[in-house]
């Protein structure tokens, strides 16, 4: 349980950083980032269950990158007052999150 809490806090901090750096993405504070991390995790989990884990963003392939961008873009519709992102912003955010995840993994391995 503790690891899951730490993972969501790190994910929220990464989303806040990406929201600050990436044009076309706005996150409404820490609680908005925490809600966005939860929604993105749930949507990612659902896509992995539907399409298999080879399609996940963690597979590091081009398809995983596109899926990550789609998940980030669609998450704004689940929490419209907390997350706002354009298509270009979602692509840039997926790229930035992938780079940050390479150095500071948001999933405890």
Protein backbone atom coordinates (compact mmCIF):
# COMPACT_ATOMS: atom_id res chain seq x y z
CA UNK A 1 0.00 0.00 0.00
CA UNK A 2 2.81 2.40 0.92
CA UNK A 3 4.50 1.79 -2.45
CA UNK A 4 1.28 2.64 -4.31
CA UNK A 5 0.95 5.93 -2.41
CA UNK A 6 4.57 6.85 -3.16
CA UNK A 7 4.07 5.91 -6.80
CA UNK A 8 1.03 8.19 -7.16
CA UNK A 9 2.79 11.07 -5.41
CA UNK A 10 5.81 10.74 -7.71
CA UNK A 11 3.48 10.49 -10.72
CA UNK A 12 1.64 13.63 -9.59
CA UNK A 13 4.92 15.52 -9.18
CA UNK A 14 6.01 14.41 -12.66
CA UNK A 15 2.67 15.58 -14.10
CA UNK A 16 3.06 18.94 -12.36
CA UNK A 17 6.55 19.34 -13.82
CA UNK A 18 5.41 18.32 -17.28
CA UNK A 19 2.40 20.64 -17.02
CA UNK A 20 4.79 23.48 -16.22
CA UNK A 21 7.26 22.67 -19.02
CA UNK A 22 5.03 21.48 -21.86
CA UNK A 23 2.99 23.97 -23.86
CA UNK A 24 -0.59 22.82 -24.36
CA UNK A 25 -0.90 21.05 -21.01
CA UNK A 26 -2.32 22.53 -17.81
CA UNK A 27 -2.64 20.73 -14.48
CA UNK A 28 -4.59 22.37 -11.64
CA UNK A 29 -2.15 22.10 -8.72
CA UNK A 30 -1.02 19.09 -6.74
CA UNK A 31 -4.52 17.67 -6.14
CA UNK A 32 -5.31 18.03 -9.84
CA UNK A 33 -2.07 16.25 -10.68
CA UNK A 34 -2.87 13.50 -8.17
CA UNK A 35 -6.35 13.05 -9.69
CA UNK A 36 -4.83 13.05 -13.19
CA UNK A 37 -2.27 10.41 -12.13
CA UNK A 38 -5.08 8.23 -10.80
CA UNK A 39 -7.22 8.63 -13.95
CA UNK A 40 -4.24 8.01 -16.25
CA UNK A 41 -3.25 4.91 -14.24
CA UNK A 42 -6.81 3.53 -14.38
CA UNK A 43 -7.14 4.21 -18.11
CA UNK A 44 -3.71 2.67 -18.77
CA UNK A 45 -4.67 -0.39 -16.74
CA UNK A 46 -7.94 -0.76 -18.69
CA UNK A 47 -6.13 -0.47 -22.04
CA UNK A 48 -3.55 -3.05 -20.96
CA UNK A 49 -6.35 -5.45 -19.95
CA UNK A 50 -8.15 -4.84 -23.23
CA UNK A 51 -5.20 -4.94 -25.63
CA UNK A 52 -2.56 -6.86 -23.66
CA UNK A 53 0.54 -5.69 -21.85
CA UNK A 54 2.69 -5.59 -25.01
CA UNK A 55 0.79 -2.44 -26.02
CA UNK A 56 1.48 -0.61 -22.76
CA UNK A 57 3.46 2.63 -22.68
CA UNK A 58 6.13 0.79 -20.67
CA UNK A 59 6.90 -1.37 -23.71
CA UNK A 60 8.88 1.67 -24.92
CA UNK A 61 7.79 1.26 -28.51
CA UNK A 62 6.17 3.75 -30.85
CA UNK A 63 2.75 2.20 -30.31
CA UNK A 64 3.21 2.47 -26.53
CA UNK A 65 4.13 6.14 -26.94
CA UNK A 66 0.99 6.82 -29.01
CA UNK A 67 -1.18 4.94 -26.49
CA UNK A 68 0.34 7.05 -23.68
CA UNK A 69 -0.47 10.24 -25.59
CA UNK A 70 -4.04 9.07 -26.23
CA UNK A 71 -4.51 8.18 -22.55
CA UNK A 72 -3.20 11.61 -21.46
CA UNK A 73 -5.47 13.33 -23.98
CA UNK A 74 -8.58 11.34 -22.98
CA UNK A 75 -7.93 11.83 -19.25
CA UNK A 76 -8.91 15.48 -19.56
CA UNK A 77 -12.49 14.43 -20.30
CA UNK A 78 -12.69 12.48 -17.04
CA UNK A 79 -11.49 15.46 -14.97
CA UNK A 80 -12.05 18.56 -17.14
CA UNK A 81 -11.61 21.11 -14.34
CA UNK A 82 -8.27 19.61 -13.25
CA UNK A 83 -6.51 18.73 -16.52
CA UNK A 84 -6.47 20.43 -19.88
CA UNK A 85 -4.33 19.25 -22.79
CA UNK A 86 -4.18 19.70 -26.56
CA UNK A 87 -3.25 16.91 -28.97
CA UNK A 88 0.22 18.39 -29.41
CA UNK A 89 0.44 18.85 -25.64
CA UNK A 90 -0.46 15.18 -25.09
CA UNK A 91 2.24 14.07 -27.55
CA UNK A 92 4.84 16.34 -25.93
CA UNK A 93 3.72 15.25 -22.45
CA UNK A 94 4.00 11.55 -23.36
CA UNK A 95 7.51 12.21 -24.68
CA UNK A 96 8.53 14.24 -21.61
CA UNK A 97 7.05 11.71 -19.19
CA UNK A 98 8.92 8.94 -21.03
CA UNK A 99 12.18 10.88 -20.66
CA UNK A 100 11.56 11.61 -16.99
CA UNK A 101 10.54 7.99 -16.37
CA UNK A 102 13.88 6.86 -17.79
CA UNK A 103 15.66 8.71 -14.97
CA UNK A 104 13.03 8.78 -12.19
CA UNK A 105 10.77 5.75 -12.64
CA UNK A 106 7.20 6.36 -11.51
CA UNK A 107 6.67 2.62 -11.16
CA UNK A 108 8.59 0.87 -8.44
CA UNK A 109 10.46 -1.95 -10.13
